[in-house]
Amino acid sequence: MTVKDDVRAARQAVRTLEQAVRTLAGRYGDTLDARRLTVDVERVQQDLDLLAGAPAPERADPRPVMQSMETIDDTAYPQEFWIDAEDEGLGGGR
């Protein structure tokens, strides 16, 4: 098995566990133990995402989504804007 196959199998196991815990939580109701078990399953999913990277979201259209660009005016700020500012890393002139 490749690493990709192992990750896929682990994700499937977590989905199966999540469904089983959901069923158990439905039978036991909103108890502390059921909530803890639900949170533990979420934590396992998060840990798997940290280890192997979050799965890529499935999109119908494989083309990249274009973001709109924002134009920022290249004008000077009013002098009052900089009254209490210091040069970062150089220290103040006080």
N, C-alpha and C. Protein backbone atom coordinates (compact mmCIF):
# COMPACT_ATOMS: atom_id res chain seq x y z
N MET A 1 0.83 -1.19 0.00
CA MET A 1 0.00 0.00 0.00
C MET A 1 0.87 1.25 0.00
N THR A 2 0.41 2.27 -0.68
CA THR A 2 1.12 3.55 -0.68
C THR A 2 0.61 4.40 0.48
N VAL A 3 1.31 5.49 0.73
CA VAL A 3 0.88 6.41 1.78
C VAL A 3 -0.50 6.96 1.46
N LYS A 4 -0.73 7.25 0.19
CA LYS A 4 -2.04 7.77 -0.23
C LYS A 4 -3.15 6.75 0.09
N ASP A 5 -2.87 5.47 -0.14
CA ASP A 5 -3.85 4.43 0.18
C ASP A 5 -4.09 4.34 1.69
N ASP A 6 -3.00 4.46 2.46
CA ASP A 6 -3.12 4.42 3.92
C ASP A 6 -3.96 5.58 4.44
N VAL A 7 -3.73 6.78 3.90
CA VAL A 7 -4.50 7.96 4.32
C VAL A 7 -5.96 7.78 3.95
N ARG A 8 -6.21 7.28 2.74
CA ARG A 8 -7.59 7.05 2.29
C ARG A 8 -8.28 6.05 3.22
N ALA A 9 -7.58 4.99 3.60
CA ALA A 9 -8.16 3.98 4.49
C ALA A 9 -8.43 4.58 5.87
N ALA A 10 -7.51 5.41 6.36
CA ALA A 10 -7.70 6.05 7.67
C ALA A 10 -8.90 6.99 7.64
N ARG A 11 -9.04 7.75 6.55
CA ARG A 11 -10.19 8.67 6.44
C ARG A 11 -11.50 7.89 6.40
N GLN A 12 -11.51 6.77 5.70
CA GLN A 12 -12.72 5.93 5.64
C GLN A 12 -13.04 5.37 7.03
N ALA A 13 -12.01 4.95 7.77
CA ALA A 13 -12.22 4.43 9.11
C ALA A 13 -12.79 5.51 10.03
N VAL A 14 -12.30 6.73 9.90
CA VAL A 14 -12.82 7.83 10.72
C VAL A 14 -14.27 8.12 10.37
N ARG A 15 -14.60 8.07 9.07
CA ARG A 15 -16.00 8.30 8.67
C ARG A 15 -16.91 7.21 9.24
N THR A 16 -16.43 5.96 9.22
CA THR A 16 -17.21 4.86 9.78
C THR A 16 -17.38 5.04 11.28
N LEU A 17 -16.30 5.41 11.97
CA LEU A 17 -16.37 5.65 13.40
C LEU A 17 -17.31 6.81 13.72
N GLU A 18 -17.24 7.86 12.92
CA GLU A 18 -18.11 9.02 13.12
C GLU A 18 -19.58 8.63 13.02
N GLN A 19 -19.90 7.80 12.05
CA GLN A 19 -21.30 7.37 11.88
C GLN A 19 -21.72 6.49 13.06
N ALA A 20 -20.84 5.61 13.52
CA ALA A 20 -21.17 4.74 14.65
C ALA A 20 -21.37 5.57 15.93
N VAL A 21 -20.53 6.56 16.14
CA VAL A 21 -20.66 7.41 17.32
C VAL A 21 -21.93 8.23 17.25
N ARG A 22 -22.28 8.70 16.05
CA ARG A 22 -23.52 9.45 15.89
C ARG A 22 -24.72 8.58 16.26
N THR A 23 -24.69 7.32 15.84
CA THR A 23 -25.78 6.40 16.19
C THR A 23 -25.84 6.18 17.69
N LEU A 24 -24.68 5.95 18.31
CA LEU A 24 -24.64 5.76 19.76
C LEU A 24 -25.12 7.00 20.50
N ALA A 25 -24.67 8.15 20.07
CA ALA A 25 -25.09 9.40 20.72
C ALA A 25 -26.59 9.58 20.62
N GLY A 26 -27.18 9.14 19.51
CA GLY A 26 -28.63 9.22 19.36
C GLY A 26 -29.35 8.31 20.34
N ARG A 27 -28.75 7.18 20.65
CA ARG A 27 -29.37 6.24 21.60
C ARG A 27 -29.19 6.67 23.05
N TYR A 28 -28.03 7.26 23.36
CA TYR A 28 -27.74 7.66 24.73
C TYR A 28 -28.19 9.08 25.05
N GLY A 29 -28.52 9.84 24.03
CA GLY A 29 -28.97 11.20 24.25
C GLY A 29 -27.81 12.15 24.48
N ASP A 30 -28.12 13.33 24.95
CA ASP A 30 -27.13 14.38 25.14
C ASP A 30 -26.46 14.24 26.50
N THR A 31 -25.68 13.16 26.65
CA THR A 31 -24.96 12.93 27.90
C THR A 31 -23.53 13.42 27.75
N LEU A 32 -22.87 13.58 28.88
CA LEU A 32 -21.49 14.03 28.87
C LEU A 32 -20.60 13.04 28.11
N ASP A 33 -20.80 11.76 28.34
CA ASP A 33 -19.98 10.75 27.67
C ASP A 33 -20.20 10.75 26.16
N ALA A 34 -21.43 10.92 25.73
CA ALA A 34 -21.72 10.95 24.29
C ALA A 34 -21.08 12.18 23.64
N ARG A 35 -21.15 13.32 24.33
CA ARG A 35 -20.52 14.53 23.80
C ARG A 35 -19.01 14.39 23.73
N ARG A 36 -18.41 13.81 24.77
CA ARG A 36 -16.96 13.61 24.77
C ARG A 36 -16.53 12.69 23.64
N LEU A 37 -17.29 11.63 23.42
CA LEU A 37 -16.96 10.70 22.34
C LEU A 37 -17.06 11.39 20.99
N THR A 38 -18.07 12.24 20.81
CA THR A 38 -18.23 12.99 19.57
C THR A 38 -17.05 13.94 19.35
N VAL A 39 -16.64 14.62 20.41
CA VAL A 39 -15.51 15.53 20.32
C VAL A 39 -14.22 14.76 20.03
N ASP A 40 -14.08 13.57 20.63
CA ASP A 40 -12.89 12.76 20.37
C ASP A 40 -12.79 12.35 18.91
N VAL A 41 -13.91 12.00 18.30
CA VAL A 41 -13.90 11.63 16.89
C VAL A 41 -13.53 12.84 16.03
N GLU A 42 -14.06 14.00 16.36
CA GLU A 42 -13.70 15.23 15.64
C GLU A 42 -12.20 15.50 15.76
N ARG A 43 -11.65 15.24 16.94
CA ARG A 43 -10.22 15.46 17.18
C ARG A 43 -9.39 14.50 16.33
N VAL A 44 -9.82 13.25 16.21
CA VAL A 44 -9.11 12.29 15.36
C VAL A 44 -9.11 12.77 13.92
N GLN A 45 -10.24 13.29 13.46
CA GLN A 45 -10.32 13.82 12.09
C GLN A 45 -9.37 15.00 11.91
N GLN A 46 -9.33 15.90 12.89
CA GLN A 46 -8.43 17.05 12.82
C GLN A 46 -6.98 16.61 12.84
N ASP A 47 -6.65 15.64 13.68
CA ASP A 47 -5.28 15.14 13.74
C ASP A 47 -4.87 14.49 12.42
N LEU A 48 -5.76 13.77 11.80
CA LEU A 48 -5.47 13.17 10.50
C LEU A 48 -5.26 14.25 9.44
N ASP A 49 -6.06 15.31 9.49
CA ASP A 49 -5.88 16.43 8.56
C ASP A 49 -4.51 17.10 8.78
N LEU A 50 -4.10 17.24 10.05
CA LEU A 50 -2.80 17.84 10.33
C LEU A 50 -1.66 16.94 9.83
N LEU A 51 -1.82 15.65 10.02
CA LEU A 51 -0.78 14.71 9.62
C LEU A 51 -0.66 14.60 8.10
N ALA A 52 -1.79 14.43 7.44
CA ALA A 52 -1.77 14.13 6.00
C ALA A 52 -2.21 15.29 5.14
N GLY A 53 -2.62 16.38 5.75
CA GLY A 53 -3.15 17.50 4.97
C GLY A 53 -4.64 17.33 4.79
N ALA A 54 -5.33 18.44 4.85
CA ALA A 54 -6.78 18.41 4.68
C ALA A 54 -7.10 17.94 3.27
N PRO A 55 -8.13 17.12 3.11
CA PRO A 55 -8.49 16.69 1.77
C PRO A 55 -8.93 17.87 0.92
N ALA A 56 -8.59 17.81 -0.33
CA ALA A 56 -8.98 18.88 -1.25
C ALA A 56 -10.49 18.87 -1.42
N PRO A 57 -11.12 20.04 -1.36
CA PRO A 57 -12.56 20.08 -1.56
C PRO A 57 -12.90 19.66 -2.98
N GLU A 58 -13.96 18.89 -3.10
CA GLU A 58 -14.38 18.44 -4.42
C GLU A 58 -15.20 19.53 -5.09
N ARG A 59 -14.79 19.91 -6.29
CA ARG A 59 -15.52 20.92 -7.05
C ARG A 59 -15.90 20.33 -8.38
N ALA A 60 -17.02 20.74 -8.88
CA ALA A 60 -17.47 20.27 -10.19
C ALA A 60 -16.61 20.86 -11.30
N ASP A 61 -16.19 22.11 -11.13
CA ASP A 61 -15.42 22.80 -12.14
C ASP A 61 -13.95 22.85 -11.70
N PRO A 62 -13.03 22.18 -12.40
CA PRO A 62 -11.64 22.13 -11.97
C PRO A 62 -10.86 23.42 -12.24
N ARG A 63 -11.45 24.39 -12.94
CA ARG A 63 -10.74 25.64 -13.21
C ARG A 63 -10.59 26.45 -11.93
N PRO A 64 -9.50 27.20 -11.79
CA PRO A 64 -9.32 27.99 -10.57
C PRO A 64 -10.37 29.09 -10.46
N VAL A 65 -10.71 29.40 -9.23
CA VAL A 65 -11.68 30.45 -8.96
C VAL A 65 -10.94 31.78 -8.98
N MET A 66 -11.41 32.71 -9.79
CA MET A 66 -10.77 34.01 -9.92
C MET A 66 -11.31 34.96 -8.84
N GLN A 67 -10.41 35.63 -8.16
CA GLN A 67 -10.79 36.61 -7.17
C GLN A 67 -10.82 37.99 -7.83
N SER A 68 -11.71 38.85 -7.37
CA SER A 68 -11.73 40.20 -7.92
C SER A 68 -10.59 40.99 -7.28
N MET A 69 -9.98 41.85 -8.06
CA MET A 69 -8.87 42.65 -7.56
C MET A 69 -9.39 43.96 -6.99
N GLU A 70 -8.74 44.41 -5.93
CA GLU A 70 -9.11 45.67 -5.31
C GLU A 70 -8.02 46.69 -5.60
N THR A 71 -8.41 47.84 -6.06
CA THR A 71 -7.46 48.89 -6.38
C THR A 71 -7.24 49.77 -5.15
N ILE A 72 -5.97 50.01 -4.84
CA ILE A 72 -5.63 50.87 -3.70
C ILE A 72 -4.98 52.12 -4.26
N ASP A 73 -5.54 53.28 -3.93
CA ASP A 73 -5.01 54.54 -4.41
C ASP A 73 -3.60 54.76 -3.87
N ASP A 74 -2.72 55.29 -4.71
CA ASP A 74 -1.35 55.58 -4.33
C ASP A 74 -1.22 57.06 -3.97
N THR A 75 -2.00 57.45 -2.96
CA THR A 75 -1.95 58.85 -2.53
C THR A 75 -1.37 58.90 -1.13
N ALA A 76 -0.84 60.03 -0.75
CA ALA A 76 -0.23 60.19 0.56
C ALA A 76 -1.31 60.26 1.64
N TYR A 77 -0.99 59.69 2.81
CA TYR A 77 -1.88 59.79 3.94
C TYR A 77 -1.74 61.18 4.56
N PRO A 78 -2.77 61.66 5.24
CA PRO A 78 -2.64 62.94 5.93
C PRO A 78 -1.55 62.83 7.00
N GLN A 79 -0.83 63.90 7.25
CA GLN A 79 0.28 63.89 8.22
C GLN A 79 -0.19 63.51 9.62
N GLU A 80 -1.43 63.85 9.99
CA GLU A 80 -1.96 63.51 11.32
C GLU A 80 -2.07 62.00 11.53
N PHE A 81 -2.14 61.25 10.46
CA PHE A 81 -2.26 59.80 10.54
C PHE A 81 -1.03 59.19 11.22
N TRP A 82 0.14 59.81 11.04
CA TRP A 82 1.40 59.25 11.51
C TRP A 82 1.89 59.86 12.82
N ILE A 83 1.08 60.65 13.53
CA ILE A 83 1.54 61.38 14.70
C ILE A 83 2.19 60.49 15.76
N ASP A 84 1.55 59.39 16.17
CA ASP A 84 2.08 58.53 17.23
C ASP A 84 2.83 57.31 16.70
N ALA A 85 3.11 57.28 15.42
CA ALA A 85 3.76 56.11 14.83
C ALA A 85 5.27 56.17 15.03
N GLU A 86 5.87 54.96 15.12
CA GLU A 86 7.32 54.84 15.20
C GLU A 86 7.77 53.95 14.06
N ASP A 87 9.02 54.13 13.64
CA ASP A 87 9.55 53.24 12.61
C ASP A 87 9.74 51.87 13.21
N GLU A 88 9.10 50.89 12.65
CA GLU A 88 9.17 49.54 13.17
C GLU A 88 10.61 49.01 13.08
N GLY A 89 11.12 48.53 14.19
CA GLY A 89 12.45 47.95 14.21
C GLY A 89 13.55 48.96 14.45
N LEU A 90 13.28 50.23 14.29
CA LEU A 90 14.31 51.24 14.47
C LEU A 90 14.19 51.96 15.81
N GLY A 91 13.08 51.77 16.47
CA GLY A 91 12.88 52.43 17.75
C GLY A 91 12.38 53.84 17.56
N GLY A 92 11.90 54.39 18.62
CA GLY A 92 11.35 55.74 18.56
C GLY A 92 12.41 56.79 18.75
N GLY A 93 12.08 58.00 18.42
CA GLY A 93 13.00 59.10 18.59
C GLY A 93 12.78 59.82 19.91
N ARG A 94 12.24 59.14 20.88
CA ARG A 94 11.90 59.76 22.17
C ARG A 94 13.06 59.72 23.12
